Amino acid sequence: MKKEIKVIIVGVFASLLVIFGICAVTIHQSQLSGMPRETHSADISTSQFIKQVAPAAQREQKRYQIPASITIAQAGLESEWGRSKLGYKYNNLFGMKATKGDERVRMYTIENINGHKRYLPAYFAVYESWADSIDAHTDLIINGTHDDHARFKSVRTGTDYETAARELQRHGYATDPDYANKLVYAIKKFNLAQYDH
């Protein structure tokens, strides 16, 4: 009888330790991120998507002179207007690759290599919100890449969205040879230039 009571007591203590451990990990993770990751519907309409990302794009334009229309168009094209899994589930609107220490997810990307589309696996950054993804995009435009910190400087000095789109393509933002034209088309189709004013 005493052995059975000891076994029960040990079992209860072990269970309590596991429960406290889970609680401690959960509390620690929520303190690190501040808030749970934002979630979105895969069925979002293009106009709903634009309305949700426009304020963050306009904020970045005001701070860093990146045309809001360009940011919105890039976010839309890269995330299928918020409907790609990377966009709605992981809040990565621009297909930003993960760097060391980033929370990340492994998915396939379409790259244009020598005129041929290739599906390649890659690790992509996971963001807490769409606004965080826009911040990361701004950081790339402002600070460039490891090999060229001024790589996208001309995107900010352009006088209009068409110039900015051409500069993005000229400096290799995307492998799609028609990237600038697609941006300009999206900006005109959805009247995104209104967000530049």
C-alpha atoms as a PDB file:
ATOM      1  CA  MET A   1       0.000   0.000   0.000  1.00  0.00           C
ATOM      2  CA  LYS A   2       2.800   2.446   0.915  1.00  0.00           C
ATOM      3  CA  LYS A   3       4.588   1.604  -2.349  1.00  0.00           C
ATOM      4  CA  GLU A   4       1.427   2.346  -4.321  1.00  0.00           C
ATOM      5  CA  ILE A   5       1.023   5.720  -2.583  1.00  0.00           C
ATOM      6  CA  LYS A   6       4.665   6.580  -3.314  1.00  0.00           C
ATOM      7  CA  VAL A   7       4.210   5.642  -6.983  1.00  0.00           C
ATOM      8  CA  ILE A   8       1.063   7.800  -7.176  1.00  0.00           C
ATOM      9  CA  ILE A   9       2.812  10.744  -5.472  1.00  0.00           C
ATOM     10  CA  VAL A  10       5.829  10.437  -7.807  1.00  0.00           C
ATOM     11  CA  GLY A  11       3.459  10.258 -10.783  1.00  0.00           C
ATOM     12  CA  VAL A  12       1.591  13.379  -9.660  1.00  0.00           C
ATOM     13  CA  PHE A  13       4.851  15.300  -9.142  1.00  0.00           C
ATOM     14  CA  ALA A  14       6.146  14.191 -12.553  1.00  0.00           C
ATOM     15  CA  SER A  15       2.888  15.324 -14.175  1.00  0.00           C
ATOM     16  CA  LEU A  16       3.067  18.684 -12.400  1.00  0.00           C
ATOM     17  CA  LEU A  17       6.667  19.174 -13.554  1.00  0.00           C
ATOM     18  CA  VAL A  18       5.652  18.502 -17.165  1.00  0.00           C
ATOM     19  CA  ILE A  19       2.687  20.905 -16.896  1.00  0.00           C
ATOM     20  CA  PHE A  20       4.851  23.634 -15.326  1.00  0.00           C
ATOM     21  CA  GLY A  21       7.499  23.074 -18.002  1.00  0.00           C
ATOM     22  CA  ILE A  22       4.958  23.470 -20.799  1.00  0.00           C
ATOM     23  CA  CYS A  23       3.565  26.616 -19.162  1.00  0.00           C
ATOM     24  CA  ALA A  24       7.049  28.091 -18.769  1.00  0.00           C
ATOM     25  CA  VAL A  25       7.925  27.443 -22.433  1.00  0.00           C
ATOM     26  CA  THR A  26       4.607  28.922 -23.591  1.00  0.00           C
ATOM     27  CA  ILE A  27       5.038  32.038 -21.441  1.00  0.00           C
ATOM     28  CA  HIS A  28       8.660  32.444 -22.602  1.00  0.00           C
ATOM     29  CA  GLN A  29       7.692  32.152 -26.282  1.00  0.00           C
ATOM     30  CA  SER A  30       4.827  34.621 -25.927  1.00  0.00           C
ATOM     31  CA  GLN A  31       7.170  37.094 -24.193  1.00  0.00           C
ATOM     32  CA  LEU A  32       9.682  36.760 -27.031  1.00  0.00           C
ATOM     33  CA  SER A  33       7.204  37.452 -29.770  1.00  0.00           C
ATOM     34  CA  GLY A  34       5.032  39.835 -27.795  1.00  0.00           C
ATOM     35  CA  MET A  35       1.875  38.640 -29.492  1.00  0.00           C
ATOM     36  CA  PRO A  36       0.711  35.570 -31.377  1.00  0.00           C
ATOM     37  CA  ARG A  37       1.399  35.549 -35.099  1.00  0.00           C
ATOM     38  CA  GLU A  38      -1.236  37.366 -37.165  1.00  0.00           C
ATOM     39  CA  THR A  39      -3.411  35.071 -39.285  1.00  0.00           C
ATOM     40  CA  HIS A  40      -5.258  35.767 -42.520  1.00  0.00           C
ATOM     41  CA  SER A  41      -7.772  34.040 -44.737  1.00  0.00           C
ATOM     42  CA  ALA A  42      -6.564  32.369 -47.916  1.00  0.00           C
ATOM     43  CA  ASP A  43      -9.766  33.682 -49.535  1.00  0.00           C
ATOM     44  CA  ILE A  44      -8.952  37.376 -49.110  1.00  0.00           C
ATOM     45  CA  SER A  45      -9.999  39.563 -52.035  1.00  0.00           C
ATOM     46  CA  THR A  46      -7.498  41.762 -53.823  1.00  0.00           C
ATOM     47  CA  SER A  47      -9.237  44.930 -52.622  1.00  0.00           C
ATOM     48  CA  GLN A  48      -9.255  43.683 -49.003  1.00  0.00           C
ATOM     49  CA  PHE A  49      -5.560  42.872 -49.279  1.00  0.00           C
ATOM     50  CA  ILE A  50      -4.748  46.334 -50.629  1.00  0.00           C
ATOM     51  CA  LYS A  51      -6.722  48.032 -47.843  1.00  0.00           C
ATOM     52  CA  GLN A  52      -4.866  46.009 -45.215  1.00  0.00           C
ATOM     53  CA  VAL A  53      -1.325  46.659 -46.470  1.00  0.00           C
ATOM     54  CA  ALA A  54      -1.728  50.227 -47.749  1.00  0.00           C
ATOM     55  CA  PRO A  55      -1.309  51.987 -44.364  1.00  0.00           C
ATOM     56  CA  ALA A  56       2.037  50.249 -43.672  1.00  0.00           C
ATOM     57  CA  ALA A  57       3.209  50.962 -47.238  1.00  0.00           C
ATOM     58  CA  GLN A  58       2.279  54.639 -46.870  1.00  0.00           C
ATOM     59  CA  ARG A  59       4.083  54.831 -43.526  1.00  0.00           C
ATOM     60  CA  GLU A  60       7.259  53.503 -45.177  1.00  0.00           C
ATOM     61  CA  GLN A  61       6.899  55.952 -48.063  1.00  0.00           C
ATOM     62  CA  LYS A  62       6.660  58.837 -45.621  1.00  0.00           C
ATOM     63  CA  ARG A  63       9.738  57.648 -43.725  1.00  0.00           C
ATOM     64  CA  TYR A  64      11.954  56.396 -46.580  1.00  0.00           C
ATOM     65  CA  GLN A  65      10.516  57.666 -49.896  1.00  0.00           C
ATOM     66  CA  ILE A  66       9.741  54.185 -51.246  1.00  0.00           C
ATOM     67  CA  PRO A  67       6.582  54.645 -53.334  1.00  0.00           C
ATOM     68  CA  ALA A  68       3.659  53.034 -51.503  1.00  0.00           C
ATOM     69  CA  SER A  69       2.309  51.833 -54.850  1.00  0.00           C
ATOM     70  CA  ILE A  70       5.527  49.879 -55.440  1.00  0.00           C
ATOM     71  CA  THR A  71       5.430  48.265 -51.992  1.00  0.00           C
ATOM     72  CA  ILE A  72       1.761  47.300 -52.395  1.00  0.00           C
ATOM     73  CA  ALA A  73       2.277  45.969 -55.938  1.00  0.00           C
ATOM     74  CA  GLN A  74       5.332  43.943 -54.914  1.00  0.00           C
ATOM     75  CA  ALA A  75       3.525  42.528 -51.885  1.00  0.00           C
ATOM     76  CA  GLY A  76       0.551  41.653 -54.083  1.00  0.00           C
ATOM     77  CA  LEU A  77       2.492  40.035 -56.891  1.00  0.00           C
ATOM     78  CA  GLU A  78       4.857  38.132 -54.606  1.00  0.00           C
ATOM     79  CA  SER A  79       2.067  36.795 -52.328  1.00  0.00           C
ATOM     80  CA  GLU A  80      -0.689  36.331 -54.920  1.00  0.00           C
ATOM     81  CA  TRP A  81      -2.487  39.259 -53.232  1.00  0.00           C
ATOM     82  CA  GLY A  82      -2.246  37.585 -49.822  1.00  0.00           C
ATOM     83  CA  ARG A  83      -3.497  34.195 -51.005  1.00  0.00           C
ATOM     84  CA  SER A  84      -0.200  32.267 -51.157  1.00  0.00           C
ATOM     85  CA  LYS A  85       0.512  29.991 -48.205  1.00  0.00           C
ATOM     86  CA  LEU A  86       3.705  31.945 -47.510  1.00  0.00           C
ATOM     87  CA  GLY A  87       1.607  35.122 -47.384  1.00  0.00           C
ATOM     88  CA  TYR A  88      -1.506  34.164 -45.426  1.00  0.00           C
ATOM     89  CA  LYS A  89       0.026  31.588 -43.071  1.00  0.00           C
ATOM     90  CA  TYR A  90       3.578  32.889 -42.548  1.00  0.00           C
ATOM     91  CA  ASN A  91       3.030  36.640 -43.180  1.00  0.00           C
ATOM     92  CA  ASN A  92       5.850  36.757 -45.745  1.00  0.00           C
ATOM     93  CA  LEU A  93       4.510  38.984 -48.522  1.00  0.00           C
ATOM     94  CA  PHE A  94       7.723  39.421 -50.512  1.00  0.00           C
ATOM     95  CA  GLY A  95       9.235  35.951 -50.620  1.00  0.00           C
ATOM     96  CA  MET A  96      12.039  37.102 -48.309  1.00  0.00           C
ATOM     97  CA  LYS A  97      14.569  34.349 -47.673  1.00  0.00           C
ATOM     98  CA  ALA A  98      15.440  33.503 -44.073  1.00  0.00           C
ATOM     99  CA  THR A  99      18.782  34.513 -42.620  1.00  0.00           C
ATOM    100  CA  LYS A 100      20.601  32.952 -39.697  1.00  0.00           C
ATOM    101  CA  GLY A 101      18.538  33.117 -36.517  1.00  0.00           C
ATOM    102  CA  ASP A 102      15.239  33.880 -38.292  1.00  0.00           C
ATOM    103  CA  GLU A 103      12.142  31.804 -37.722  1.00  0.00           C
ATOM    104  CA  ARG A 104      11.795  30.035 -41.051  1.00  0.00           C
ATOM    105  CA  VAL A 105       9.778  27.645 -43.189  1.00  0.00           C
ATOM    106  CA  ARG A 106      10.983  25.486 -46.105  1.00  0.00           C
ATOM    107  CA  MET A 107       8.970  25.896 -49.289  1.00  0.00           C
ATOM    108  CA  TYR A 108       9.517  25.897 -53.037  1.00  0.00           C
ATOM    109  CA  THR A 109      10.122  29.036 -55.050  1.00  0.00           C
ATOM    110  CA  ILE A 110       9.890  29.669 -58.787  1.00  0.00           C
ATOM    111  CA  GLU A 111      13.084  31.185 -60.173  1.00  0.00           C
ATOM    112  CA  ASN A 112      13.761  32.201 -63.760  1.00  0.00           C
ATOM    113  CA  ILE A 113      17.164  30.788 -64.677  1.00  0.00           C
ATOM    114  CA  ASN A 114      18.397  31.361 -68.240  1.00  0.00           C
ATOM    115  CA  GLY A 115      14.834  31.865 -69.440  1.00  0.00           C
ATOM    116  CA  HIS A 116      13.520  28.686 -67.809  1.00  0.00           C
ATOM    117  CA  LYS A 117      11.283  28.462 -64.745  1.00  0.00           C
ATOM    118  CA  ARG A 118      12.774  26.304 -62.012  1.00  0.00           C
ATOM    119  CA  TYR A 119      11.138  25.166 -58.783  1.00  0.00           C
ATOM    120  CA  LEU A 120      13.755  25.298 -56.059  1.00  0.00           C
ATOM    121  CA  PRO A 121      13.499  24.599 -52.320  1.00  0.00           C
ATOM    122  CA  ALA A 122      14.395  27.514 -50.065  1.00  0.00           C
ATOM    123  CA  TYR A 123      14.031  28.661 -46.478  1.00  0.00           C
ATOM    124  CA  PHE A 124      11.773  31.672 -46.123  1.00  0.00           C
ATOM    125  CA  ALA A 125      11.443  34.065 -43.200  1.00  0.00           C
ATOM    126  CA  VAL A 126       8.323  33.863 -41.037  1.00  0.00           C
ATOM    127  CA  TYR A 127       6.927  37.168 -39.748  1.00  0.00           C
ATOM    128  CA  GLU A 128       4.536  38.032 -36.931  1.00  0.00           C
ATOM    129  CA  SER A 129       2.421  40.268 -39.174  1.00  0.00           C
ATOM    130  CA  TRP A 130       2.140  41.719 -42.644  1.00  0.00           C
ATOM    131  CA  ALA A 131       3.436  45.012 -41.260  1.00  0.00           C
ATOM    132  CA  ASP A 132       6.593  43.189 -40.083  1.00  0.00           C
ATOM    133  CA  SER A 133       7.020  41.777 -43.581  1.00  0.00           C
ATOM    134  CA  ILE A 134       6.737  45.286 -45.041  1.00  0.00           C
ATOM    135  CA  ASP A 135       9.348  46.485 -42.521  1.00  0.00           C
ATOM    136  CA  ALA A 136      11.719  43.738 -43.699  1.00  0.00           C
ATOM    137  CA  HIS A 137      11.136  44.749 -47.326  1.00  0.00           C
ATOM    138  CA  THR A 138      11.894  48.377 -46.446  1.00  0.00           C
ATOM    139  CA  ASP A 139      15.077  47.275 -44.700  1.00  0.00           C
ATOM    140  CA  LEU A 140      16.194  45.498 -47.887  1.00  0.00           C
ATOM    141  CA  ILE A 141      15.476  48.546 -50.054  1.00  0.00           C
ATOM    142  CA  ILE A 142      17.224  50.894 -47.587  1.00  0.00           C
ATOM    143  CA  ASN A 143      20.251  48.754 -46.704  1.00  0.00           C
ATOM    144  CA  GLY A 144      20.652  46.676 -49.850  1.00  0.00           C
ATOM    145  CA  THR A 145      22.341  43.299 -49.812  1.00  0.00           C
ATOM    146  CA  HIS A 146      25.508  42.018 -48.133  1.00  0.00           C
ATOM    147  CA  ASP A 147      27.498  42.465 -51.336  1.00  0.00           C
ATOM    148  CA  ASP A 148      26.043  45.875 -52.281  1.00  0.00           C
ATOM    149  CA  HIS A 149      24.549  48.098 -49.589  1.00  0.00           C
ATOM    150  CA  ALA A 150      23.461  50.725 -52.126  1.00  0.00           C
ATOM    151  CA  ARG A 151      21.903  48.163 -54.487  1.00  0.00           C
ATOM    152  CA  PHE A 152      18.346  49.564 -54.376  1.00  0.00           C
ATOM    153  CA  LYS A 153      19.155  53.199 -53.574  1.00  0.00           C
ATOM    154  CA  SER A 154      17.787  54.356 -56.930  1.00  0.00           C
ATOM    155  CA  VAL A 155      14.353  52.929 -56.047  1.00  0.00           C
ATOM    156  CA  ARG A 156      14.056  55.706 -53.469  1.00  0.00           C
ATOM    157  CA  THR A 157      15.412  58.506 -55.661  1.00  0.00           C
ATOM    158  CA  GLY A 158      13.067  57.796 -58.580  1.00  0.00           C
ATOM    159  CA  THR A 159      10.456  60.402 -59.335  1.00  0.00           C
ATOM    160  CA  ASP A 160       7.608  57.950 -59.978  1.00  0.00           C
ATOM    161  CA  TYR A 161       6.547  54.340 -59.591  1.00  0.00           C
ATOM    162  CA  GLU A 162       7.512  53.409 -63.169  1.00  0.00           C
ATOM    163  CA  THR A 163      11.103  54.514 -62.560  1.00  0.00           C
ATOM    164  CA  ALA A 164      11.149  52.660 -59.222  1.00  0.00           C
ATOM    165  CA  ALA A 165       9.850  49.476 -60.902  1.00  0.00           C
ATOM    166  CA  ARG A 166      12.535  49.640 -63.600  1.00  0.00           C
ATOM    167  CA  GLU A 167      15.242  50.238 -60.978  1.00  0.00           C
ATOM    168  CA  LEU A 168      14.110  47.210 -58.974  1.00  0.00           C
ATOM    169  CA  GLN A 169      14.417  45.027 -62.062  1.00  0.00           C
ATOM    170  CA  ARG A 170      17.679  46.608 -63.213  1.00  0.00           C
ATOM    171  CA  HIS A 171      19.289  45.840 -59.873  1.00  0.00           C
ATOM    172  CA  GLY A 172      18.093  42.245 -59.786  1.00  0.00           C
ATOM    173  CA  TYR A 173      15.326  42.330 -57.204  1.00  0.00           C
ATOM    174  CA  ALA A 174      13.605  39.440 -58.997  1.00  0.00           C
ATOM    175  CA  THR A 175      14.657  36.865 -61.574  1.00  0.00           C
ATOM    176  CA  ASP A 176      11.517  37.436 -63.669  1.00  0.00           C
ATOM    177  CA  PRO A 177      12.617  39.421 -66.768  1.00  0.00           C
ATOM    178  CA  ASP A 178       9.146  41.006 -66.950  1.00  0.00           C
ATOM    179  CA  TYR A 179       9.009  42.016 -63.265  1.00  0.00           C
ATOM    180  CA  ALA A 180       8.923  45.804 -63.813  1.00  0.00           C
ATOM    181  CA  ASN A 181       6.120  45.546 -66.389  1.00  0.00           C
ATOM    182  CA  LYS A 182       4.069  43.363 -64.037  1.00  0.00           C
ATOM    183  CA  LEU A 183       4.477  45.897 -61.232  1.00  0.00           C
ATOM    184  CA  VAL A 184       3.430  48.797 -63.462  1.00  0.00           C
ATOM    185  CA  TYR A 185       0.465  46.810 -64.797  1.00  0.00           C
ATOM    186  CA  ALA A 186      -0.720  45.983 -61.246  1.00  0.00           C
ATOM    187  CA  ILE A 187      -0.323  49.607 -60.151  1.00  0.00           C
ATOM    188  CA  LYS A 188      -2.433  50.818 -63.067  1.00  0.00           C
ATOM    189  CA  LYS A 189      -5.026  48.033 -62.856  1.00  0.00           C
ATOM    190  CA  PHE A 190      -5.718  48.532 -59.153  1.00  0.00           C
ATOM    191  CA  ASN A 191      -5.118  52.304 -59.092  1.00  0.00           C
ATOM    192  CA  LEU A 192      -2.344  51.914 -56.531  1.00  0.00           C
ATOM    193  CA  ALA A 193      -0.800  55.285 -57.412  1.00  0.00           C
ATOM    194  CA  GLN A 194      -3.499  56.896 -55.264  1.00  0.00           C
ATOM    195  CA  TYR A 195      -1.591  55.632 -52.204  1.00  0.00           C
ATOM    196  CA  ASP A 196       1.507  57.607 -53.219  1.00  0.00           C
ATOM    197  CA  HIS A 197      -0.205  60.912 -52.373  1.00  0.00           C
END
